[in-house]
Amino acid sequence: MMTFLAIIAVAITQVRDLFAAVVLTGIFSLLSACIFTSLDAVDVAFTEAAVGAGLATVLFLAALSLTGPREKTQPHHSWSGLCVCLLTGGALIYGTLDMPHLGDPNAPVHQHVAPRYIAESPEEIGIPNMVTSVLASYRGYDTLGEVTVIFTAGLAVLLLLRGSGTRLDAVADQAMRHAMILRVVSKLFIPLILLFALYVQFHGDFGPGGGFQAGVIFAAAFILYALIYGVEEARRVAPAGRVQVFFALGLLLYIGTGLACLLAGGNFLEYKVLASDPTYGEHYGILLIELGVGITVAAVVISIFCHFASRERP
């Protein structure tokens, strides 16, 4: 599969048909998800499939509706840019020479970090999914930073596209609202997608999933509705003002959970003080911050799609 990835990467740089390039990027992401699955990184594969092969492909296709179908031919080649890329790539490859081989059992991560989590996580955190334990508890500060980055990205999109001559029916003309089969099928599948998003959200403690994946899946259901019925109709279901409120609500829920830990006498994001039983406290804290992550991710993705897809083609 690594060979296929290399071939697809080269093909993406060579094709001039932008639609073909978008399809190839989706295939690249799907193959990457398969590789992650083969490495037992199911949570990462879940995210790659949902974001890379799913939402990113939809956003790229929406961009094609605002641009031409083919890449413009450059009048000249930038040799300086090529040199910078070659030097940077060479430096990165040189930096990997000191890294341990893939799957090396004597690698430092397998000698110090991983054994600590494997041995102590079931007792300290008390949830079966060790990935959730690491992301939501041991690395709670890092995850808070990631949610803040997502919030900032969504806010930046709003500031850039606000007042840029948008109109809600720019994509509505291309909506598939008159396709009876799609309308019927969507009414069956959209509730199932939303139900699956809730399952992924609240089952992340016990299996692959969590707030990020659930937020993306929830947003995918909304995007499917917008593609079939039009952005204007979708915004009647979820007004822009309410979606923007959820931007901050998820992040505030995350931060509020940490503040609650401080008020309970513990450290910031030290969930075990939230209940008399430390294990229950960890469960409550992880449940709340994962919910905050899911809310912020879903709101940001929905808002980005609506603002981007409703732009008028220049």
C-alpha atoms as a PDB file:
ATOM      1  CA  MET A   1       0.000   0.000   0.000  1.00  0.00           C
ATOM      2  CA  MET A   2       2.931   2.331   0.555  1.00  0.00           C
ATOM      3  CA  THR A   3       3.850   1.842  -3.103  1.00  0.00           C
ATOM      4  CA  PHE A   4       0.318   2.785  -4.134  1.00  0.00           C
ATOM      5  CA  LEU A   5       0.542   5.906  -1.946  1.00  0.00           C
ATOM      6  CA  ALA A   6       3.766   6.950  -3.663  1.00  0.00           C
ATOM      7  CA  ILE A   7       2.258   6.382  -7.123  1.00  0.00           C
ATOM      8  CA  ILE A   8      -0.874   8.371  -6.257  1.00  0.00           C
ATOM      9  CA  ALA A   9       1.200  11.205  -4.769  1.00  0.00           C
ATOM     10  CA  VAL A  10       3.200  11.505  -7.998  1.00  0.00           C
ATOM     11  CA  ALA A  11       0.008  11.318 -10.068  1.00  0.00           C
ATOM     12  CA  ILE A  12      -1.564  14.167  -8.070  1.00  0.00           C
ATOM     13  CA  THR A  13       1.368  16.422  -8.902  1.00  0.00           C
ATOM     14  CA  GLN A  14       1.176  15.582 -12.607  1.00  0.00           C
ATOM     15  CA  VAL A  15      -2.523  15.722 -13.481  1.00  0.00           C
ATOM     16  CA  ARG A  16      -3.978  19.017 -14.679  1.00  0.00           C
ATOM     17  CA  ASP A  17      -7.607  17.978 -14.345  1.00  0.00           C
ATOM     18  CA  LEU A  18      -8.604  19.285 -10.909  1.00  0.00           C
ATOM     19  CA  PHE A  19     -11.504  16.855 -10.558  1.00  0.00           C
ATOM     20  CA  ALA A  20      -9.112  13.938 -11.110  1.00  0.00           C
ATOM     21  CA  ALA A  21      -6.733  15.456  -8.554  1.00  0.00           C
ATOM     22  CA  VAL A  22      -9.534  15.656  -5.971  1.00  0.00           C
ATOM     23  CA  VAL A  23     -10.504  12.033  -6.581  1.00  0.00           C
ATOM     24  CA  LEU A  24      -6.872  10.956  -6.226  1.00  0.00           C
ATOM     25  CA  THR A  25      -6.511  12.832  -2.931  1.00  0.00           C
ATOM     26  CA  GLY A  26      -9.586  11.027  -1.633  1.00  0.00           C
ATOM     27  CA  ILE A  27      -8.088   7.686  -2.656  1.00  0.00           C
ATOM     28  CA  PHE A  28      -4.811   8.699  -1.002  1.00  0.00           C
ATOM     29  CA  SER A  29      -6.613   9.391   2.281  1.00  0.00           C
ATOM     30  CA  LEU A  30      -8.559   6.139   2.071  1.00  0.00           C
ATOM     31  CA  LEU A  31      -5.368   4.138   1.536  1.00  0.00           C
ATOM     32  CA  SER A  32      -3.775   5.988   4.452  1.00  0.00           C
ATOM     33  CA  ALA A  33      -6.709   4.957   6.628  1.00  0.00           C
ATOM     34  CA  CYS A  34      -6.184   1.338   5.546  1.00  0.00           C
ATOM     35  CA  ILE A  35      -2.508   1.567   6.513  1.00  0.00           C
ATOM     36  CA  PHE A  36      -3.405   2.981   9.928  1.00  0.00           C
ATOM     37  CA  THR A  37      -5.873   0.136  10.404  1.00  0.00           C
ATOM     38  CA  SER A  38      -3.217  -2.445   9.558  1.00  0.00           C
ATOM     39  CA  LEU A  39      -1.000  -0.814  12.214  1.00  0.00           C
ATOM     40  CA  ASP A  40      -3.828  -1.177  14.789  1.00  0.00           C
ATOM     41  CA  ALA A  41      -4.276   2.610  14.909  1.00  0.00           C
ATOM     42  CA  VAL A  42      -8.033   2.346  14.437  1.00  0.00           C
ATOM     43  CA  ASP A  43      -8.831   5.730  15.990  1.00  0.00           C
ATOM     44  CA  VAL A  44      -6.415   7.487  13.639  1.00  0.00           C
ATOM     45  CA  ALA A  45      -7.798   5.519  10.686  1.00  0.00           C
ATOM     46  CA  PHE A  46     -11.308   6.534  11.716  1.00  0.00           C
ATOM     47  CA  THR A  47     -10.356  10.206  11.660  1.00  0.00           C
ATOM     48  CA  GLU A  48      -8.427   9.953   8.391  1.00  0.00           C
ATOM     49  CA  ALA A  49     -11.326   8.251   6.624  1.00  0.00           C
ATOM     50  CA  ALA A  50     -13.889  10.749   7.914  1.00  0.00           C
ATOM     51  CA  VAL A  51     -11.853  13.912   7.354  1.00  0.00           C
ATOM     52  CA  GLY A  52      -9.448  13.071   4.541  1.00  0.00           C
ATOM     53  CA  ALA A  53     -11.553  10.811   2.338  1.00  0.00           C
ATOM     54  CA  GLY A  54     -14.872  12.369   3.335  1.00  0.00           C
ATOM     55  CA  LEU A  55     -15.128  16.024   4.296  1.00  0.00           C
ATOM     56  CA  ALA A  56     -11.954  17.217   2.582  1.00  0.00           C
ATOM     57  CA  THR A  57     -13.104  15.690  -0.698  1.00  0.00           C
ATOM     58  CA  VAL A  58     -16.486  17.412  -0.388  1.00  0.00           C
ATOM     59  CA  LEU A  59     -14.842  20.780   0.302  1.00  0.00           C
ATOM     60  CA  PHE A  60     -12.495  20.340  -2.654  1.00  0.00           C
ATOM     61  CA  LEU A  61     -15.434  19.553  -4.925  1.00  0.00           C
ATOM     62  CA  ALA A  62     -17.231  22.627  -3.611  1.00  0.00           C
ATOM     63  CA  ALA A  63     -14.132  24.652  -4.464  1.00  0.00           C
ATOM     64  CA  LEU A  64     -14.259  23.332  -8.030  1.00  0.00           C
ATOM     65  CA  SER A  65     -17.712  24.887  -8.394  1.00  0.00           C
ATOM     66  CA  LEU A  66     -16.056  28.270  -7.799  1.00  0.00           C
ATOM     67  CA  THR A  67     -13.038  27.721 -10.031  1.00  0.00           C
ATOM     68  CA  GLY A  68     -12.226  26.251 -13.409  1.00  0.00           C
ATOM     69  CA  PRO A  69     -11.986  22.498 -14.019  1.00  0.00           C
ATOM     70  CA  ARG A  70      -8.329  22.573 -15.028  1.00  0.00           C
ATOM     71  CA  GLU A  71      -5.160  23.964 -13.533  1.00  0.00           C
ATOM     72  CA  LYS A  72      -3.797  27.064 -15.220  1.00  0.00           C
ATOM     73  CA  THR A  73      -0.495  26.587 -17.010  1.00  0.00           C
ATOM     74  CA  GLN A  74       2.314  28.505 -15.373  1.00  0.00           C
ATOM     75  CA  PRO A  75       4.300  30.712 -17.768  1.00  0.00           C
ATOM     76  CA  HIS A  76       7.585  29.678 -16.155  1.00  0.00           C
ATOM     77  CA  HIS A  77       8.887  27.272 -13.554  1.00  0.00           C
ATOM     78  CA  SER A  78      10.193  28.436 -10.202  1.00  0.00           C
ATOM     79  CA  TRP A  79      13.602  26.829  -9.843  1.00  0.00           C
ATOM     80  CA  SER A  80      14.137  28.510  -6.489  1.00  0.00           C
ATOM     81  CA  GLY A  81      10.973  26.864  -5.162  1.00  0.00           C
ATOM     82  CA  LEU A  82      12.168  23.502  -6.454  1.00  0.00           C
ATOM     83  CA  CYS A  83      15.516  23.954  -4.713  1.00  0.00           C
ATOM     84  CA  VAL A  84      13.809  24.851  -1.433  1.00  0.00           C
ATOM     85  CA  CYS A  85      11.594  21.760  -1.668  1.00  0.00           C
ATOM     86  CA  LEU A  86      14.550  19.498  -2.439  1.00  0.00           C
ATOM     87  CA  LEU A  87      16.635  20.910   0.409  1.00  0.00           C
ATOM     88  CA  THR A  88      13.751  20.662   2.871  1.00  0.00           C
ATOM     89  CA  GLY A  89      12.917  17.131   1.763  1.00  0.00           C
ATOM     90  CA  GLY A  90      16.553  16.097   1.999  1.00  0.00           C
ATOM     91  CA  ALA A  91      16.822  17.534   5.514  1.00  0.00           C
ATOM     92  CA  LEU A  92      13.689  15.685   6.605  1.00  0.00           C
ATOM     93  CA  ILE A  93      14.931  12.408   5.140  1.00  0.00           C
ATOM     94  CA  TYR A  94      18.308  12.906   6.812  1.00  0.00           C
ATOM     95  CA  GLY A  95      16.548  13.501  10.114  1.00  0.00           C
ATOM     96  CA  THR A  96      14.776  10.148   9.866  1.00  0.00           C
ATOM     97  CA  LEU A  97      18.038   8.198   9.606  1.00  0.00           C
ATOM     98  CA  ASP A  98      18.434   8.226  13.395  1.00  0.00           C
ATOM     99  CA  MET A  99      14.865   7.086  13.987  1.00  0.00           C
ATOM    100  CA  PRO A 100      14.226   3.461  14.987  1.00  0.00           C
ATOM    101  CA  HIS A 101      12.868   1.102  12.369  1.00  0.00           C
ATOM    102  CA  LEU A 102       9.118   0.656  12.080  1.00  0.00           C
ATOM    103  CA  GLY A 103       7.946  -1.885  14.648  1.00  0.00           C
ATOM    104  CA  ASP A 104      11.307  -2.064  16.417  1.00  0.00           C
ATOM    105  CA  PRO A 105      10.530  -3.469  19.905  1.00  0.00           C
ATOM    106  CA  ASN A 106      13.644  -1.774  21.306  1.00  0.00           C
ATOM    107  CA  ALA A 107      12.495   1.710  20.283  1.00  0.00           C
ATOM    108  CA  PRO A 108      12.310   4.156  23.232  1.00  0.00           C
ATOM    109  CA  VAL A 109       8.555   4.540  22.860  1.00  0.00           C
ATOM    110  CA  HIS A 110       8.147   0.788  23.422  1.00  0.00           C
ATOM    111  CA  GLN A 111      10.567   0.734  26.349  1.00  0.00           C
ATOM    112  CA  HIS A 112       9.360   3.678  28.418  1.00  0.00           C
ATOM    113  CA  VAL A 113       6.175   5.445  27.282  1.00  0.00           C
ATOM    114  CA  ALA A 114       3.935   2.649  26.012  1.00  0.00           C
ATOM    115  CA  PRO A 115       4.570   0.223  28.918  1.00  0.00           C
ATOM    116  CA  ARG A 116       3.663   2.979  31.385  1.00  0.00           C
ATOM    117  CA  TYR A 117       0.297   3.605  29.726  1.00  0.00           C
ATOM    118  CA  ILE A 118      -0.430  -0.089  29.209  1.00  0.00           C
ATOM    119  CA  ALA A 119       0.362  -0.996  32.807  1.00  0.00           C
ATOM    120  CA  GLU A 120      -1.142   1.977  34.632  1.00  0.00           C
ATOM    121  CA  SER A 121      -3.994   3.228  32.435  1.00  0.00           C
ATOM    122  CA  PRO A 122      -6.581   0.549  33.367  1.00  0.00           C
ATOM    123  CA  GLU A 123      -6.101   1.277  37.061  1.00  0.00           C
ATOM    124  CA  GLU A 124      -5.608   5.063  36.909  1.00  0.00           C
ATOM    125  CA  ILE A 125      -8.239   5.914  34.293  1.00  0.00           C
ATOM    126  CA  GLY A 126     -10.444   2.834  34.310  1.00  0.00           C
ATOM    127  CA  ILE A 127     -11.692   2.864  30.704  1.00  0.00           C
ATOM    128  CA  PRO A 128     -11.019   0.139  28.111  1.00  0.00           C
ATOM    129  CA  ASN A 129      -9.985   2.421  25.227  1.00  0.00           C
ATOM    130  CA  MET A 130      -6.399   3.359  26.000  1.00  0.00           C
ATOM    131  CA  VAL A 131      -6.300   5.914  23.174  1.00  0.00           C
ATOM    132  CA  THR A 132      -9.064   7.893  24.850  1.00  0.00           C
ATOM    133  CA  SER A 133      -7.188   7.665  28.154  1.00  0.00           C
ATOM    134  CA  VAL A 134      -4.087   9.169  26.575  1.00  0.00           C
ATOM    135  CA  LEU A 135      -5.814  11.892  24.554  1.00  0.00           C
ATOM    136  CA  ALA A 136      -8.402  12.986  27.094  1.00  0.00           C
ATOM    137  CA  SER A 137      -6.563  12.469  30.383  1.00  0.00           C
ATOM    138  CA  TYR A 138      -2.798  12.067  30.137  1.00  0.00           C
ATOM    139  CA  ARG A 139      -2.602  14.550  27.247  1.00  0.00           C
ATOM    140  CA  GLY A 140      -5.607  16.656  28.208  1.00  0.00           C
ATOM    141  CA  TYR A 141      -3.672  19.907  27.789  1.00  0.00           C
ATOM    142  CA  ASP A 142      -2.612  18.958  24.254  1.00  0.00           C
ATOM    143  CA  THR A 143      -6.173  18.111  23.302  1.00  0.00           C
ATOM    144  CA  LEU A 144      -7.336  21.442  24.725  1.00  0.00           C
ATOM    145  CA  GLY A 145      -4.785  23.142  22.490  1.00  0.00           C
ATOM    146  CA  GLU A 146      -6.071  21.229  19.464  1.00  0.00           C
ATOM    147  CA  VAL A 147      -9.659  22.255  20.195  1.00  0.00           C
ATOM    148  CA  THR A 148      -8.499  25.857  20.546  1.00  0.00           C
ATOM    149  CA  VAL A 149      -6.809  25.620  17.136  1.00  0.00           C
ATOM    150  CA  ILE A 150     -10.037  24.294  15.589  1.00  0.00           C
ATOM    151  CA  PHE A 151     -12.006  27.112  17.214  1.00  0.00           C
ATOM    152  CA  THR A 152      -9.492  29.684  15.939  1.00  0.00           C
ATOM    153  CA  ALA A 153      -9.619  28.232  12.417  1.00  0.00           C
ATOM    154  CA  GLY A 154     -13.398  28.469  12.347  1.00  0.00           C
ATOM    155  CA  LEU A 155     -13.284  32.022  13.657  1.00  0.00           C
ATOM    156  CA  ALA A 156     -10.723  32.974  10.999  1.00  0.00           C
ATOM    157  CA  VAL A 157     -12.952  31.587   8.237  1.00  0.00           C
ATOM    158  CA  LEU A 158     -15.882  33.633   9.522  1.00  0.00           C
ATOM    159  CA  LEU A 159     -13.788  36.802   9.573  1.00  0.00           C
ATOM    160  CA  LEU A 160     -12.402  36.185   6.078  1.00  0.00           C
ATOM    161  CA  LEU A 161     -15.702  35.340   4.409  1.00  0.00           C
ATOM    162  CA  ARG A 162     -17.968  37.738   6.270  1.00  0.00           C
ATOM    163  CA  GLY A 163     -19.064  40.549   3.999  1.00  0.00           C
ATOM    164  CA  SER A 164     -17.360  39.008   0.953  1.00  0.00           C
ATOM    165  CA  GLY A 165     -20.430  39.114  -1.259  1.00  0.00           C
ATOM    166  CA  THR A 166     -21.856  35.753  -0.262  1.00  0.00           C
ATOM    167  CA  ARG A 167     -25.319  34.627  -1.200  1.00  0.00           C
ATOM    168  CA  LEU A 168     -27.172  31.669   0.223  1.00  0.00           C
ATOM    169  CA  ASP A 169     -28.435  30.282  -3.067  1.00  0.00           C
ATOM    170  CA  ALA A 170     -25.060  29.983  -4.776  1.00  0.00           C
ATOM    171  CA  VAL A 171     -25.081  26.234  -4.280  1.00  0.00           C
ATOM    172  CA  ALA A 172     -28.831  25.876  -4.052  1.00  0.00           C
ATOM    173  CA  ASP A 173     -29.063  26.019  -7.846  1.00  0.00           C
ATOM    174  CA  GLN A 174     -26.898  22.916  -7.968  1.00  0.00           C
ATOM    175  CA  ALA A 175     -28.743  21.136  -5.156  1.00  0.00           C
ATOM    176  CA  MET A 176     -30.223  17.740  -5.860  1.00  0.00           C
ATOM    177  CA  ARG A 177     -33.541  18.643  -4.252  1.00  0.00           C
ATOM    178  CA  HIS A 178     -35.531  17.482  -7.286  1.00  0.00           C
ATOM    179  CA  ALA A 179     -33.981  13.990  -7.306  1.00  0.00           C
ATOM    180  CA  MET A 180     -36.733  11.955  -5.675  1.00  0.00           C
ATOM    181  CA  ILE A 181     -34.549   8.897  -5.023  1.00  0.00           C
ATOM    182  CA  LEU A 182     -31.897  10.966  -3.258  1.00  0.00           C
ATOM    183  CA  ARG A 183     -34.522  12.719  -1.151  1.00  0.00           C
ATOM    184  CA  VAL A 184     -36.037   9.426  -0.019  1.00  0.00           C
ATOM    185  CA  VAL A 185     -32.673   7.781   0.638  1.00  0.00           C
ATOM    186  CA  SER A 186     -31.384  10.825   2.515  1.00  0.00           C
ATOM    187  CA  LYS A 187     -34.393  10.777   4.847  1.00  0.00           C
ATOM    188  CA  LEU A 188     -33.442   7.214   5.726  1.00  0.00           C
ATOM    189  CA  PHE A 189     -29.692   7.682   6.054  1.00  0.00           C
ATOM    190  CA  ILE A 190     -29.350  11.108   7.683  1.00  0.00           C
ATOM    191  CA  PRO A 191     -31.032   9.976  10.951  1.00  0.00           C
ATOM    192  CA  LEU A 192     -28.836   6.871  10.941  1.00  0.00           C
ATOM    193  CA  ILE A 193     -25.719   9.002  10.435  1.00  0.00           C
ATOM    194  CA  LEU A 194     -26.734  11.237  13.342  1.00  0.00           C
ATOM    195  CA  LEU A 195     -27.415   8.183  15.500  1.00  0.00           C
ATOM    196  CA  PHE A 196     -24.028   6.741  14.579  1.00  0.00           C
ATOM    197  CA  ALA A 197     -22.403  10.066  15.498  1.00  0.00           C
ATOM    198  CA  LEU A 198     -23.973   9.855  18.956  1.00  0.00           C
ATOM    199  CA  TYR A 199     -22.761   6.261  19.275  1.00  0.00           C
ATOM    200  CA  VAL A 200     -19.207   7.267  18.356  1.00  0.00           C
ATOM    201  CA  GLN A 201     -19.407  10.220  20.754  1.00  0.00           C
ATOM    202  CA  PHE A 202     -20.485   8.299  23.836  1.00  0.00           C
ATOM    203  CA  HIS A 203     -18.845   4.957  23.038  1.00  0.00           C
ATOM    204  CA  GLY A 204     -15.354   6.401  22.633  1.00  0.00           C
ATOM    205  CA  ASP A 205     -14.452   5.190  26.124  1.00  0.00           C
ATOM    206  CA  PHE A 206     -14.955   1.581  25.088  1.00  0.00           C
ATOM    207  CA  GLY A 207     -14.018   1.477  21.389  1.00  0.00           C
ATOM    208  CA  PRO A 208     -12.672   3.552  18.499  1.00  0.00           C
ATOM    209  CA  GLY A 209     -14.192   6.995  18.409  1.00  0.00           C
ATOM    210  CA  GLY A 210     -14.565  10.098  20.503  1.00  0.00           C
ATOM    211  CA  GLY A 211     -15.494  13.733  20.200  1.00  0.00           C
ATOM    212  CA  PHE A 212     -13.472  14.585  17.118  1.00  0.00           C
ATOM    213  CA  GLN A 213     -14.734  11.687  15.021  1.00  0.00           C
ATOM    214  CA  ALA A 214     -18.299  12.174  16.244  1.00  0.00           C
ATOM    215  CA  GLY A 215     -18.229  15.878  15.417  1.00  0.00           C
ATOM    216  CA  VAL A 216     -17.043  15.180  11.883  1.00  0.00           C
ATOM    217  CA  ILE A 217     -19.712  12.507  11.340  1.00  0.00           C
ATOM    218  CA  PHE A 218     -22.439  14.794  12.695  1.00  0.00           C
ATOM    219  CA  ALA A 219     -21.277  17.563  10.361  1.00  0.00           C
ATOM    220  CA  ALA A 220     -21.236  15.086   7.463  1.00  0.00           C
ATOM    221  CA  ALA A 221     -24.957  14.455   7.973  1.00  0.00           C
ATOM    222  CA  PHE A 222     -25.626  18.188   7.825  1.00  0.00           C
ATOM    223  CA  ILE A 223     -23.475  18.574   4.699  1.00  0.00           C
ATOM    224  CA  LEU A 224     -25.357  15.729   3.020  1.00  0.00           C
ATOM    225  CA  TYR A 225     -28.608  17.533   3.812  1.00  0.00           C
ATOM    226  CA  ALA A 226     -27.205  20.777   2.363  1.00  0.00           C
ATOM    227  CA  LEU A 227     -26.025  19.064  -0.825  1.00  0.00           C
ATOM    228  CA  ILE A 228     -29.456  17.561  -1.464  1.00  0.00           C
ATOM    229  CA  TYR A 229     -31.771  20.338  -0.289  1.00  0.00           C
ATOM    230  CA  GLY A 230     -29.519  23.379  -0.718  1.00  0.00           C
ATOM    231  CA  VAL A 231     -27.516  25.550   1.663  1.00  0.00           C
ATOM    232  CA  GLU A 232     -30.392  27.972   2.199  1.00  0.00           C
ATOM    233  CA  GLU A 233     -32.678  25.193   3.416  1.00  0.00           C
ATOM    234  CA  ALA A 234     -29.896  23.777   5.582  1.00  0.00           C
ATOM    235  CA  ARG A 235     -29.393  27.147   7.233  1.00  0.00           C
ATOM    236  CA  ARG A 236     -33.065  27.269   8.088  1.00  0.00           C
ATOM    237  CA  VAL A 237     -32.511  24.042  10.012  1.00  0.00           C
ATOM    238  CA  ALA A 238     -29.312  25.311  11.656  1.00  0.00           C
ATOM    239  CA  PRO A 239     -29.140  29.135  11.563  1.00  0.00           C
ATOM    240  CA  ALA A 240     -25.653  30.576  11.317  1.00  0.00           C
ATOM    241  CA  GLY A 241     -25.993  32.476  14.582  1.00  0.00           C
ATOM    242  CA  ARG A 242     -26.818  29.363  16.576  1.00  0.00           C
ATOM    243  CA  VAL A 243     -24.011  27.382  14.970  1.00  0.00           C
ATOM    244  CA  GLN A 244     -21.550  30.115  15.899  1.00  0.00           C
ATOM    245  CA  VAL A 245     -22.721  29.956  19.512  1.00  0.00           C
ATOM    246  CA  PHE A 246     -21.742  26.277  19.574  1.00  0.00           C
ATOM    247  CA  PHE A 247     -18.287  27.334  18.340  1.00  0.00           C
ATOM    248  CA  ALA A 248     -17.483  28.650  21.771  1.00  0.00           C
ATOM    249  CA  LEU A 249     -19.816  26.396  23.756  1.00  0.00           C
ATOM    250  CA  GLY A 250     -17.741  23.276  23.175  1.00  0.00           C
ATOM    251  CA  LEU A 251     -14.479  25.010  24.064  1.00  0.00           C
ATOM    252  CA  LEU A 252     -16.064  26.585  27.150  1.00  0.00           C
ATOM    253  CA  LEU A 253     -17.342  23.168  28.231  1.00  0.00           C
ATOM    254  CA  TYR A 254     -13.795  21.809  27.989  1.00  0.00           C
ATOM    255  CA  ILE A 255     -12.312  24.723  29.943  1.00  0.00           C
ATOM    256  CA  GLY A 256     -15.210  24.671  32.404  1.00  0.00           C
ATOM    257  CA  THR A 257     -14.485  21.034  33.206  1.00  0.00           C
ATOM    258  CA  GLY A 258     -10.910  21.978  34.052  1.00  0.00           C
ATOM    259  CA  LEU A 259     -12.099  24.863  36.235  1.00  0.00           C
ATOM    260  CA  ALA A 260     -14.498  22.511  38.021  1.00  0.00           C
ATOM    261  CA  CYS A 261     -11.511  20.318  38.848  1.00  0.00           C
ATOM    262  CA  LEU A 262      -9.763  23.342  40.355  1.00  0.00           C
ATOM    263  CA  LEU A 263     -12.814  24.239  42.435  1.00  0.00           C
ATOM    264  CA  ALA A 264     -12.993  20.637  43.665  1.00  0.00           C
ATOM    265  CA  GLY A 265      -9.459  20.918  45.045  1.00  0.00           C
ATOM    266  CA  GLY A 266      -7.502  19.239  42.253  1.00  0.00           C
ATOM    267  CA  ASN A 267      -5.341  20.408  39.398  1.00  0.00           C
ATOM    268  CA  PHE A 268      -6.657  21.699  36.095  1.00  0.00           C
ATOM    269  CA  LEU A 269      -8.165  18.742  34.155  1.00  0.00           C
ATOM    270  CA  GLU A 270      -7.536  16.367  37.075  1.00  0.00           C
ATOM    271  CA  TYR A 271     -10.855  14.586  36.683  1.00  0.00           C
ATOM    272  CA  LYS A 272     -10.554  12.179  39.597  1.00  0.00           C
ATOM    273  CA  VAL A 273     -11.619  14.923  42.038  1.00  0.00           C
ATOM    274  CA  LEU A 274     -15.010  15.271  40.332  1.00  0.00           C
ATOM    275  CA  ALA A 275     -16.440  12.280  42.226  1.00  0.00           C
ATOM    276  CA  SER A 276     -15.829  10.408  45.447  1.00  0.00           C
ATOM    277  CA  ASP A 277     -14.572   7.460  43.405  1.00  0.00           C
ATOM    278  CA  PRO A 278     -11.543   8.583  41.307  1.00  0.00           C
ATOM    279  CA  THR A 279     -12.489   6.196  38.492  1.00  0.00           C
ATOM    280  CA  TYR A 280     -15.970   7.695  38.245  1.00  0.00           C
ATOM    281  CA  GLY A 281     -14.415  11.158  38.269  1.00  0.00           C
ATOM    282  CA  GLU A 282     -12.221  10.215  35.313  1.00  0.00           C
ATOM    283  CA  HIS A 283     -15.287   8.935  33.458  1.00  0.00           C
ATOM    284  CA  TYR A 284     -17.271  12.122  34.113  1.00  0.00           C
ATOM    285  CA  GLY A 285     -14.407  14.403  33.123  1.00  0.00           C
ATOM    286  CA  ILE A 286     -13.582  12.535  29.919  1.00  0.00           C
ATOM    287  CA  LEU A 287     -17.270  12.400  28.978  1.00  0.00           C
ATOM    288  CA  LEU A 288     -17.613  16.179  29.366  1.00  0.00           C
ATOM    289  CA  ILE A 289     -14.482  17.195  27.500  1.00  0.00           C
ATOM    290  CA  GLU A 290     -15.160  14.733  24.669  1.00  0.00           C
ATOM    291  CA  LEU A 291     -18.619  16.255  24.373  1.00  0.00           C
ATOM    292  CA  GLY A 292     -17.021  19.691  24.186  1.00  0.00           C
ATOM    293  CA  VAL A 293     -14.667  18.515  21.448  1.00  0.00           C
ATOM    294  CA  GLY A 294     -17.554  17.039  19.452  1.00  0.00           C
ATOM    295  CA  ILE A 295     -19.647  20.209  19.722  1.00  0.00           C
ATOM    296  CA  THR A 296     -16.823  22.502  18.617  1.00  0.00           C
ATOM    297  CA  VAL A 297     -15.703  20.277  15.733  1.00  0.00           C
ATOM    298  CA  ALA A 298     -19.241  19.841  14.390  1.00  0.00           C
ATOM    299  CA  ALA A 299     -20.023  23.565  14.630  1.00  0.00           C
ATOM    300  CA  VAL A 300     -16.762  24.627  12.977  1.00  0.00           C
ATOM    301  CA  VAL A 301     -17.048  22.146  10.095  1.00  0.00           C
ATOM    302  CA  ILE A 302     -20.699  23.051   9.443  1.00  0.00           C
ATOM    303  CA  SER A 303     -19.953  26.767   9.497  1.00  0.00           C
ATOM    304  CA  ILE A 304     -16.921  26.453   7.225  1.00  0.00           C
ATOM    305  CA  PHE A 305     -18.900  24.433   4.698  1.00  0.00           C
ATOM    306  CA  CYS A 306     -21.863  26.815   4.676  1.00  0.00           C
ATOM    307  CA  HIS A 307     -19.758  29.952   4.349  1.00  0.00           C
ATOM    308  CA  PHE A 308     -17.510  28.405   1.729  1.00  0.00           C
ATOM    309  CA  ALA A 309     -20.207  26.677  -0.332  1.00  0.00           C
ATOM    310  CA  SER A 310     -22.467  29.726  -0.433  1.00  0.00           C
ATOM    311  CA  ARG A 311     -19.860  32.014  -1.952  1.00  0.00           C
ATOM    312  CA  GLU A 312     -20.670  33.429  -5.340  1.00  0.00           C
ATOM    313  CA  ARG A 313     -18.373  32.399  -8.144  1.00  0.00           C
ATOM    314  CA  PRO A 314     -16.305  35.395  -9.284  1.00  0.00           C
END
